[in-house]
Protein backbone atom coordinates (compact mmCIF):
# COMPACT_ATOMS: atom_id res chain seq x y z
CA UNK A 1 0.00 0.00 0.00
CA UNK A 2 1.36 3.42 -0.96
CA UNK A 3 1.89 6.17 1.58
CA UNK A 4 -0.64 8.37 -0.23
CA UNK A 5 -3.30 5.66 -0.12
CA UNK A 6 -2.63 4.94 3.56
CA UNK A 7 -2.79 8.65 4.33
CA UNK A 8 -6.03 8.99 2.37
CA UNK A 9 -7.54 6.07 4.27
CA UNK A 10 -6.43 7.56 7.58
CA UNK A 11 -7.80 10.94 6.58
CA UNK A 12 -11.10 9.39 5.51
CA UNK A 13 -11.38 7.47 8.74
CA UNK A 14 -10.49 10.64 10.62
CA UNK A 15 -13.23 12.58 8.84
CA UNK A 16 -15.76 9.88 9.68
CA UNK A 17 -14.62 9.88 13.31
CA UNK A 18 -14.68 13.69 13.30
CA UNK A 19 -18.26 13.77 12.02
CA UNK A 20 -19.29 11.11 14.52
CA UNK A 21 -17.63 12.96 17.41
CA UNK A 22 -19.17 16.21 16.22
CA UNK A 23 -22.67 14.70 16.14
CA UNK A 24 -22.22 13.09 19.55
CA UNK A 25 -20.56 16.17 20.99
CA UNK A 26 -23.14 18.64 19.70
CA UNK A 27 -25.94 16.37 20.85
CA UNK A 28 -24.33 16.10 24.29
CA UNK A 29 -23.83 19.84 24.42
CA UNK A 30 -27.45 20.38 23.46
CA UNK A 31 -28.69 18.01 26.16
CA UNK A 32 -26.42 19.66 28.71
CA UNK A 33 -27.67 23.08 27.63
CA UNK A 34 -31.29 21.94 27.92
CA UNK A 35 -30.64 20.50 31.39
CA UNK A 36 -28.93 23.73 32.39
CA UNK A 37 -31.82 25.85 31.11
CA UNK A 38 -34.38 23.62 32.85
CA UNK A 39 -32.50 24.01 36.13
CA UNK A 40 -32.19 27.76 35.66
CA UNK A 41 -35.85 28.12 34.69
CA UNK A 42 -36.90 26.01 37.65
CA UNK A 43 -34.97 28.13 40.15
CA UNK A 44 -35.91 31.47 38.57
CA UNK A 45 -39.59 30.78 37.97
CA UNK A 46 -40.07 29.10 41.34
CA UNK A 47 -38.46 32.01 43.21
CA UNK A 48 -40.39 34.61 41.20
CA UNK A 49 -43.70 32.80 41.59
CA UNK A 50 -43.21 32.34 45.33
CA UNK A 51 -42.38 36.01 45.70
CA UNK A 52 -45.27 37.37 43.63
CA UNK A 53 -48.00 34.83 44.33
CA UNK A 54 -47.31 34.42 48.04
CA UNK A 55 -49.68 37.27 49.07
CA UNK A 56 -52.57 35.44 47.40
CA UNK A 57 -51.91 32.14 49.25
CA UNK A 58 -54.19 32.45 52.25
CA UNK A 59 -56.41 30.20 54.30
CA UNK A 60 -59.38 32.06 52.83
CA UNK A 61 -58.25 31.02 49.33
CA UNK A 62 -57.99 27.43 50.51
CA UNK A 63 -61.54 27.66 51.85
CA UNK A 64 -62.82 29.06 48.51
CA UNK A 65 -63.49 32.67 49.59
CA UNK A 66 -64.55 34.65 46.45
CA UNK A 67 -62.55 37.73 47.40
CA UNK A 68 -59.41 35.68 47.98
CA UNK A 69 -60.06 33.87 44.71
CA UNK A 70 -60.37 37.21 42.85
CA UNK A 71 -57.10 38.44 44.38
CA UNK A 72 -55.26 35.28 43.39
CA UNK A 73 -56.67 35.48 39.85
CA UNK A 74 -55.62 39.14 39.47
CA UNK A 75 -52.05 38.48 40.70
CA UNK A 76 -51.72 35.40 38.48
CA UNK A 77 -52.87 37.15 35.32
CA UNK A 78 -51.02 40.41 35.88
CA UNK A 79 -47.71 39.15 37.29
CA UNK A 80 -47.23 35.48 36.34
CA UNK A 81 -49.08 34.49 33.19
CA UNK A 82 -47.24 35.41 29.98
CA UNK A 83 -46.21 34.02 26.64
CA UNK A 84 -43.84 31.78 28.59
CA UNK A 85 -46.02 30.80 31.60
CA UNK A 86 -49.35 29.45 30.31
CA UNK A 87 -50.96 27.77 33.33
CA UNK A 88 -50.99 28.08 37.16
CA UNK A 89 -52.28 25.57 39.69
CA UNK A 90 -52.27 25.66 43.49
CA UNK A 91 -52.58 22.26 45.20
CA UNK A 92 -53.25 21.01 48.69
CA UNK A 93 -51.41 18.05 50.12
CA UNK A 94 -54.36 15.77 49.37
CA UNK A 95 -54.30 16.62 45.64
CA UNK A 96 -57.11 19.17 45.49
CA UNK A 97 -56.65 22.12 43.15
CA UNK A 98 -57.47 25.21 45.21
CA UNK A 99 -56.83 27.71 42.43
CA UNK A 100 -56.08 27.71 38.69
CA UNK A 101 -56.36 30.27 35.94
CA UNK A 102 -58.49 27.56 34.29
CA UNK A 103 -61.69 27.72 36.42
CA UNK A 104 -62.83 24.25 35.41
CA UNK A 105 -59.91 22.73 37.35
CA UNK A 106 -60.75 24.42 40.69
CA UNK A 107 -61.79 21.95 43.41
CA UNK A 108 -60.92 18.92 41.24
CA UNK A 109 -58.76 16.30 42.92
CA UNK A 110 -55.93 14.31 41.31
CA UNK A 111 -53.20 12.15 42.90
CA UNK A 112 -49.86 13.89 43.42
CA UNK A 113 -46.65 12.24 42.23
CA UNK A 114 -43.92 11.22 44.65
CA UNK A 115 -41.68 14.07 43.48
CA UNK A 116 -44.47 16.57 44.13
CA UNK A 117 -44.99 15.25 47.64
CA UNK A 118 -41.22 15.46 48.20
CA UNK A 119 -41.31 19.14 47.20
CA UNK A 120 -44.12 19.71 49.71
CA UNK A 121 -42.10 17.99 52.41
CA UNK A 122 -38.59 19.32 51.74
CA UNK A 123 -39.34 22.58 49.99
CA UNK A 124 -36.88 22.08 47.11
CA UNK A 125 -38.44 22.96 43.73
CA UNK A 126 -38.51 20.37 40.97
CA UNK A 127 -39.45 20.31 37.32
CA UNK A 128 -40.29 17.83 34.57
CA UNK A 129 -41.96 17.50 31.20
CA UNK A 130 -45.73 17.42 31.39
CA UNK A 131 -47.63 14.21 30.78
CA UNK A 132 -50.37 15.59 28.60
CA UNK A 133 -52.24 12.30 28.62
CA UNK A 134 -52.88 12.60 32.38
CA UNK A 135 -56.42 13.75 33.31
CA UNK A 136 -55.13 16.77 35.26
CA UNK A 137 -53.57 18.10 32.01
CA UNK A 138 -56.69 17.84 29.87
CA UNK A 139 -56.82 21.61 29.36
CA UNK A 140 -53.12 22.00 28.50
CA UNK A 141 -52.93 19.59 25.57
CA UNK A 142 -53.31 22.33 22.99
CA UNK A 143 -50.01 23.89 24.10
CA UNK A 144 -47.88 20.88 23.18
CA UNK A 145 -44.84 20.06 25.32
CA UNK A 146 -44.75 21.99 28.58
CA UNK A 147 -42.30 22.18 31.48
CA UNK A 148 -44.03 21.81 34.86
CA UNK A 149 -42.30 23.66 37.71
CA UNK A 150 -43.29 22.90 41.32
CA UNK A 151 -42.61 25.20 44.28
CA UNK A 152 -43.70 24.95 47.90
CA UNK A 153 -45.62 27.91 49.33
CA UNK A 154 -47.30 28.35 52.73
CA UNK A 155 -50.40 30.08 54.02
CA UNK A 156 -49.97 32.58 56.87
CA UNK A 157 -50.97 29.81 59.26
CA UNK A 158 -48.08 27.64 57.98
CA UNK A 159 -50.14 25.24 55.89
CA UNK A 160 -47.92 23.89 53.04
CA UNK A 161 -49.27 24.26 49.51
CA UNK A 162 -47.87 23.23 46.12
CA UNK A 163 -47.66 25.92 43.45
CA UNK A 164 -47.39 24.56 39.92
CA UNK A 165 -46.54 26.61 36.84
CA UNK A 166 -46.57 25.39 33.23
CA UNK A 167 -43.87 26.86 30.97
CA UNK A 168 -43.66 26.52 27.21
CA UNK A 169 -40.84 24.05 26.63
CA UNK A 170 -39.90 25.77 23.38
CA UNK A 171 -38.84 28.84 25.36
CA UNK A 172 -36.48 26.66 27.38
CA UNK A 173 -35.01 24.89 24.36
CA UNK A 174 -34.59 28.19 22.50
CA UNK A 175 -32.16 29.38 25.14
CA UNK A 176 -30.45 26.01 25.11
CA UNK A 177 -30.08 26.11 21.34
CA UNK A 178 -28.62 29.59 21.52
CA UNK A 179 -26.10 28.35 24.08
CA UNK A 180 -25.31 25.32 21.91
CA UNK A 181 -24.77 27.51 18.85
CA UNK A 182 -22.37 29.63 20.84
CA UNK A 183 -20.32 26.67 22.09
CA UNK A 184 -20.52 24.30 19.09
CA UNK A 185 -18.19 26.24 16.73
CA UNK A 186 -15.36 26.21 19.28
CA UNK A 187 -15.90 22.51 19.86
CA UNK A 188 -15.89 21.73 16.14
CA UNK A 189 -12.80 23.85 15.55
CA UNK A 190 -11.01 21.97 18.30
CA UNK A 191 -11.87 18.64 16.67
CA UNK A 192 -10.79 19.92 13.27
CA UNK A 193 -7.48 21.18 14.69
CA UNK A 194 -6.89 17.77 16.28
CA UNK A 195 -7.50 16.06 12.94
CA UNK A 196 -5.11 18.42 11.14
CA UNK A 197 -2.41 17.91 13.77
CA UNK A 198 -2.70 14.14 13.38
CA UNK A 199 -2.13 14.14 9.63
CA UNK A 200 1.68 14.74 9.77
CA UNK A 201 1.99 12.03 12.40
CA UNK A 202 -0.08 9.68 10.24
CA UNK A 203 2.06 10.53 7.20
CA UNK A 204 5.29 9.69 9.04
CA UNK A 205 3.78 6.51 10.46
CA UNK A 206 2.51 5.43 7.04
CA UNK A 207 5.97 6.02 5.54
CA UNK A 208 7.59 3.94 8.27
CA UNK A 209 5.06 1.14 7.86
CA UNK A 210 5.47 1.27 4.09
CA UNK A 211 9.25 1.11 4.39
CA UNK A 212 8.97 -1.81 6.80
CA UNK A 213 6.60 -3.59 4.45
CA UNK A 214 8.92 -3.06 1.47
CA UNK A 215 11.88 -4.27 3.52
CA UNK A 216 9.97 -7.36 4.58
CA UNK A 217 8.99 -8.05 0.98
CA UNK A 218 12.58 -7.63 -0.13
CA UNK A 219 13.77 -10.02 2.57
CA UNK A 220 11.14 -12.56 1.57
CA UNK A 221 12.15 -12.27 -2.08
CA UNK A 222 15.82 -12.70 -1.22
CA UNK A 223 14.99 -15.69 0.99
CA UNK A 224 12.96 -17.34 -1.76
CA UNK A 225 15.62 -16.54 -4.36
CA UNK A 226 18.29 -18.00 -2.07
CA UNK A 227 16.12 -21.06 -1.51
CA UNK A 228 15.63 -21.54 -5.26
CA UNK A 229 19.34 -21.02 -5.88
CA UNK A 230 20.21 -23.56 -3.21
CA UNK A 231 17.73 -26.06 -4.60
CA UNK A 232 19.23 -25.68 -8.09
CA UNK A 233 22.73 -26.11 -6.65
CA UNK A 234 21.72 -29.27 -4.77
CA UNK A 235 20.00 -30.63 -7.88
CA UNK A 236 23.09 -29.89 -10.00
CA UNK A 237 25.45 -31.46 -7.46
CA UNK A 238 23.31 -34.58 -7.20
CA UNK A 239 23.06 -34.93 -10.97
CA UNK A 240 26.71 -34.30 -11.69
CA UNK A 241 28.07 -36.17 -8.68
CA UNK A 242 26.10 -38.93 -6.98
CA UNK A 243 23.92 -39.83 -9.95
CA UNK A 244 26.88 -40.12 -12.32
CA UNK A 245 28.82 -42.21 -9.79
CA UNK A 246 25.87 -44.51 -9.24
CA UNK A 247 25.39 -44.81 -12.99
CA UNK A 248 29.04 -45.97 -13.29
CA UNK A 249 28.53 -48.47 -10.47
CA UNK A 250 25.40 -49.74 -12.19
CA UNK A 251 27.25 -50.30 -15.48
CA UNK A 252 30.12 -52.09 -13.68
CA UNK A 253 27.75 -54.34 -11.74
CA UNK A 254 25.86 -55.16 -14.90
CA UNK A 255 29.10 -56.14 -16.66
CA UNK A 256 30.23 -58.29 -13.70
CA UNK A 257 26.84 -59.97 -13.54
CA UNK A 258 26.94 -60.75 -17.24
CA UNK A 259 30.45 -62.22 -16.96
CA UNK A 260 29.43 -64.41 -14.02
CA UNK A 261 26.41 -65.68 -15.92
CA UNK A 262 28.71 -66.49 -18.86
CA UNK A 263 31.01 -68.46 -16.59
CA UNK A 264 28.12 -70.35 -15.10
CA UNK A 265 26.77 -71.13 -18.55
CA UNK A 266 30.29 -72.27 -19.67
CA UNK A 267 30.17 -75.11 -17.18
CA UNK A 268 32.29 -74.17 -14.14
CA UNK A 269 32.20 -77.45 -12.12
CA UNK A 270 34.21 -76.76 -8.97
CA UNK A 271 37.56 -78.19 -10.21
CA UNK A 272 40.94 -76.95 -8.99
CA UNK A 273 43.35 -74.48 -10.55
CA UNK A 274 46.79 -73.21 -9.76
CA UNK A 275 46.93 -70.28 -7.36
CA UNK A 276 49.50 -67.49 -7.39
CA UNK A 277 51.95 -69.63 -5.41
CA UNK A 278 51.51 -72.56 -7.80
CA UNK A 279 49.47 -74.38 -5.17
CA UNK A 280 46.18 -76.07 -5.98
CA UNK A 281 43.06 -73.93 -5.23
CA UNK A 282 39.50 -75.27 -5.34
CA UNK A 283 37.29 -73.38 -7.82
CA UNK A 284 33.62 -72.47 -7.27
CA UNK A 285 30.93 -74.79 -8.52
CA UNK A 286 28.34 -73.79 -11.12
CA UNK A 287 25.59 -73.15 -8.54
CA UNK A 288 27.71 -70.73 -6.52
CA UNK A 289 28.65 -68.77 -9.66
CA UNK A 290 25.02 -68.59 -10.76
CA UNK A 291 23.97 -67.35 -7.28
CA UNK A 292 26.67 -64.73 -7.30
CA UNK A 293 25.62 -63.61 -10.78
CA UNK A 294 22.03 -63.20 -9.55
CA UNK A 295 23.14 -61.16 -6.52
CA UNK A 296 25.26 -58.85 -8.67
CA UNK A 297 22.42 -58.45 -11.17
CA UNK A 298 20.00 -57.56 -8.33
CA UNK A 299 22.51 -55.03 -6.99
CA UNK A 300 22.71 -53.45 -10.45
CA UNK A 301 18.88 -53.31 -10.66
CA UNK A 302 18.64 -51.73 -7.18
CA UNK A 303 21.28 -49.17 -8.15
CA UNK A 304 19.33 -48.26 -11.29
CA UNK A 305 16.16 -47.85 -9.18
CA UNK A 306 18.02 -45.57 -6.78
CA UNK A 307 19.25 -43.54 -9.73
CA UNK A 308 15.68 -43.19 -10.98
CA UNK A 309 14.49 -42.08 -7.54
CA UNK A 310 17.32 -39.56 -7.30
CA UNK A 311 16.47 -38.18 -10.73
CA UNK A 312 12.83 -37.90 -9.65
CA UNK A 313 13.98 -36.07 -6.52
CA UNK A 314 16.12 -33.75 -8.64
CA UNK A 315 13.10 -33.03 -10.80
CA UNK A 316 11.02 -32.26 -7.73
CA UNK A 317 13.71 -29.98 -6.33
CA UNK A 318 14.24 -28.11 -9.58
CA UNK A 319 11.67 -29.01 -12.26
CA UNK A 320 12.98 -27.88 -15.66
CA UNK A 321 9.44 -27.29 -16.94
CA UNK A 322 8.79 -24.69 -14.21
CA UNK A 323 11.56 -22.44 -15.53
CA UNK A 324 11.24 -23.34 -19.21
CA UNK A 325 7.46 -23.63 -19.73
CA UNK A 326 5.96 -21.80 -16.76
CA UNK A 327 3.86 -22.69 -13.75
CA UNK A 328 0.68 -24.04 -15.48
CA UNK A 329 2.67 -26.49 -17.64
CA UNK A 330 4.74 -27.63 -14.65
CA UNK A 331 1.59 -28.25 -12.60
CA UNK A 332 0.03 -30.24 -15.48
CA UNK A 333 3.14 -32.44 -15.59
CA UNK A 334 2.88 -32.84 -11.83
CA UNK A 335 -0.77 -33.83 -12.15
CA UNK A 336 0.24 -36.67 -14.45
CA UNK A 337 1.52 -38.54 -11.38
CA UNK A 338 -2.08 -38.61 -10.08
CA UNK A 339 -3.23 -40.24 -13.30
CA UNK A 340 -0.43 -42.81 -13.00
CA UNK A 341 -1.70 -43.56 -9.47
CA UNK A 342 -5.20 -44.26 -10.84
CA UNK A 343 -6.75 -40.96 -9.71
CA UNK A 344 -8.83 -39.02 -12.21
CA UNK A 345 -7.53 -35.45 -12.24
CA UNK A 346 -8.70 -32.19 -13.82
CA UNK A 347 -6.45 -29.15 -14.20
CA UNK A 348 -7.95 -25.73 -14.80
CA UNK A 349 -5.34 -23.08 -15.42
CA UNK A 350 -4.67 -20.31 -17.92
CA UNK A 351 -2.11 -21.03 -20.60
CA UNK A 352 0.26 -18.55 -19.03
CA UNK A 353 0.47 -16.95 -15.59
CA UNK A 354 2.55 -13.84 -14.93
CA UNK A 355 4.20 -14.80 -11.65
CA UNK A 356 7.66 -13.82 -10.36
CA UNK A 357 10.03 -16.81 -10.30
CA UNK A 358 10.19 -16.99 -6.50
CA UNK A 359 6.36 -16.96 -6.30
CA UNK A 360 6.13 -19.64 -9.00
CA UNK A 361 8.53 -21.83 -7.03
CA UNK A 362 6.46 -21.48 -3.86
CA UNK A 363 3.22 -22.28 -5.72
CA UNK A 364 4.83 -25.31 -7.36
CA UNK A 365 6.02 -26.62 -4.00
CA UNK A 366 2.46 -26.21 -2.71
CA UNK A 367 1.18 -28.22 -5.67
CA UNK A 368 3.83 -30.87 -5.01
CA UNK A 369 2.79 -31.24 -1.38
CA UNK A 370 -0.91 -31.36 -2.27
CA UNK A 371 -0.40 -34.01 -4.99
CA UNK A 372 1.91 -36.05 -2.74
CA UNK A 373 -0.69 -36.06 0.06
CA UNK A 374 -3.45 -37.13 -2.32
CA UNK A 375 -1.38 -40.07 -3.60
CA UNK A 376 -0.04 -41.18 -0.21
CA UNK A 377 -2.90 -40.48 2.21
CA UNK A 378 -6.23 -39.51 0.67
CA UNK A 379 -7.45 -42.74 -1.04
CA UNK A 380 -9.19 -40.38 -3.45
CA UNK A 381 -10.70 -41.32 -6.80
CA UNK A 382 -10.88 -37.81 -8.28
CA UNK A 383 -8.96 -34.58 -7.85
CA UNK A 384 -9.06 -31.07 -9.28
CA UNK A 385 -6.26 -28.51 -9.49
CA UNK A 386 -7.07 -24.89 -10.25
CA UNK A 387 -4.78 -21.89 -10.78
CA UNK A 388 -6.39 -18.43 -10.70
CA UNK A 389 -4.74 -15.09 -11.23
CA UNK A 390 -6.64 -11.99 -10.20
CA UNK A 391 -5.64 -8.41 -9.52
CA UNK A 392 -2.57 -8.63 -7.35
CA UNK A 393 -3.10 -12.28 -6.32
CA UNK A 394 -2.45 -15.79 -7.62
CA UNK A 395 -4.17 -18.75 -5.96
CA UNK A 396 -3.66 -22.50 -6.25
CA UNK A 397 -6.59 -24.71 -5.21
CA UNK A 398 -6.40 -28.51 -4.92
CA UNK A 399 -9.59 -30.49 -4.17
CA UNK A 400 -9.95 -34.25 -3.69
CA UNK A 401 -12.79 -36.59 -2.70
CA UNK A 402 -10.69 -38.70 -0.34
CA UNK A 403 -11.07 -39.69 3.29
CA UNK A 404 -10.13 -36.25 4.65
CA UNK A 405 -8.75 -35.52 8.11
CA UNK A 406 -9.36 -33.37 11.16
CA UNK A 407 -8.78 -29.63 10.84
CA UNK A 408 -9.04 -27.06 13.65
CA UNK A 409 -9.08 -23.35 12.74
CA UNK A 410 -7.65 -24.11 9.31
CA UNK A 411 -4.69 -26.05 10.77
CA UNK A 412 -4.39 -29.84 10.27
CA UNK A 413 -4.28 -32.04 13.33
CA UNK A 414 -0.79 -32.83 14.57
CA UNK A 415 0.96 -35.78 12.95
CA UNK A 416 3.99 -36.70 10.89
CA UNK A 417 1.87 -37.01 7.76
CA UNK A 418 0.92 -33.32 8.05
CA UNK A 419 4.40 -31.96 8.68
CA UNK A 420 4.71 -30.93 5.04
CA UNK A 421 1.49 -28.90 5.32
CA UNK A 422 2.87 -27.14 8.37
CA UNK A 423 5.99 -26.18 6.43
CA UNK A 424 3.78 -25.09 3.55
CA UNK A 425 1.79 -22.83 5.86
CA UNK A 426 5.05 -21.27 7.06
CA UNK A 427 6.09 -20.74 3.43
CA UNK A 428 2.81 -18.97 2.65
CA UNK A 429 3.14 -16.71 5.70
CA UNK A 430 6.78 -15.86 4.96
CA UNK A 431 5.79 -14.98 1.39
CA UNK A 432 3.05 -12.61 2.50
CA UNK A 433 0.27 -15.00 1.49
CA UNK A 434 -2.08 -17.42 3.14
CA UNK A 435 -2.81 -21.13 3.11
CA UNK A 436 -6.18 -22.56 4.16
CA UNK A 437 -7.33 -26.15 4.47
CA UNK A 438 -10.93 -27.33 4.59
CA UNK A 439 -11.33 -31.00 5.47
CA UNK A 440 -13.19 -33.43 7.69
CA UNK A 441 -13.09 -37.21 8.04
CA UNK A 442 -14.94 -38.76 5.10
CA UNK A 443 -15.54 -35.42 3.34
CA UNK A 444 -12.44 -34.87 1.21
CA UNK A 445 -9.95 -32.02 1.37
CA UNK A 446 -9.63 -28.57 -0.17
CA UNK A 447 -6.23 -26.85 -0.02
CA UNK A 448 -5.86 -23.22 -1.06
CA UNK A 449 -2.49 -21.52 -1.36
CA UNK A 450 -2.58 -17.85 -2.29
CA UNK A 451 0.26 -15.37 -2.74
CA UNK A 452 0.43 -11.69 -3.69
CA UNK A 453 2.13 -11.04 -7.00
CA UNK A 454 4.38 -8.37 -5.51
Foldseek 3Di string as FASTA:
>chain_A
DDLVVLLVVVLVVLVVVLVVCLVVVLVVLLVVLLVVLLVVCLVVLQVQCQVQQQVLDAVCLQVPPPVSQVVNLVSCVPPPDDLFWPKKFKAALQAATSHINPVVRHRDGDDDDPVLNVCQVVFDKDKDKDDCVDPSNVVVVVLPIWIKIWGWHAHPVGGIMIMIITTRSVVSSVSSVVVSVVVSVVVSVVSVVVSVVCSVVSSVVSVVVVVVVVVLLVVLVVVLVVLLVVLLVVLVCCVVPVLVVLVVLLVVLLVLLVVLVVVLVVFAAQDWDQDPVRDTDTDDGSVVSNVVSVVSNVVSVVSVVVSVVSNVVSCLSPPPCCVVQHLLVLLVVVCVVCVVLQAAEEEAEDSHDDAPSSVSNLVSLVSNLLSVCCSPPFPFRYKYWYWDDDVQKIKIKIWTQGQWADDDPQHGDDDPSCVSVVVSQVSLVSQVHGWGWDTDGRGTIMIMRMHGRD
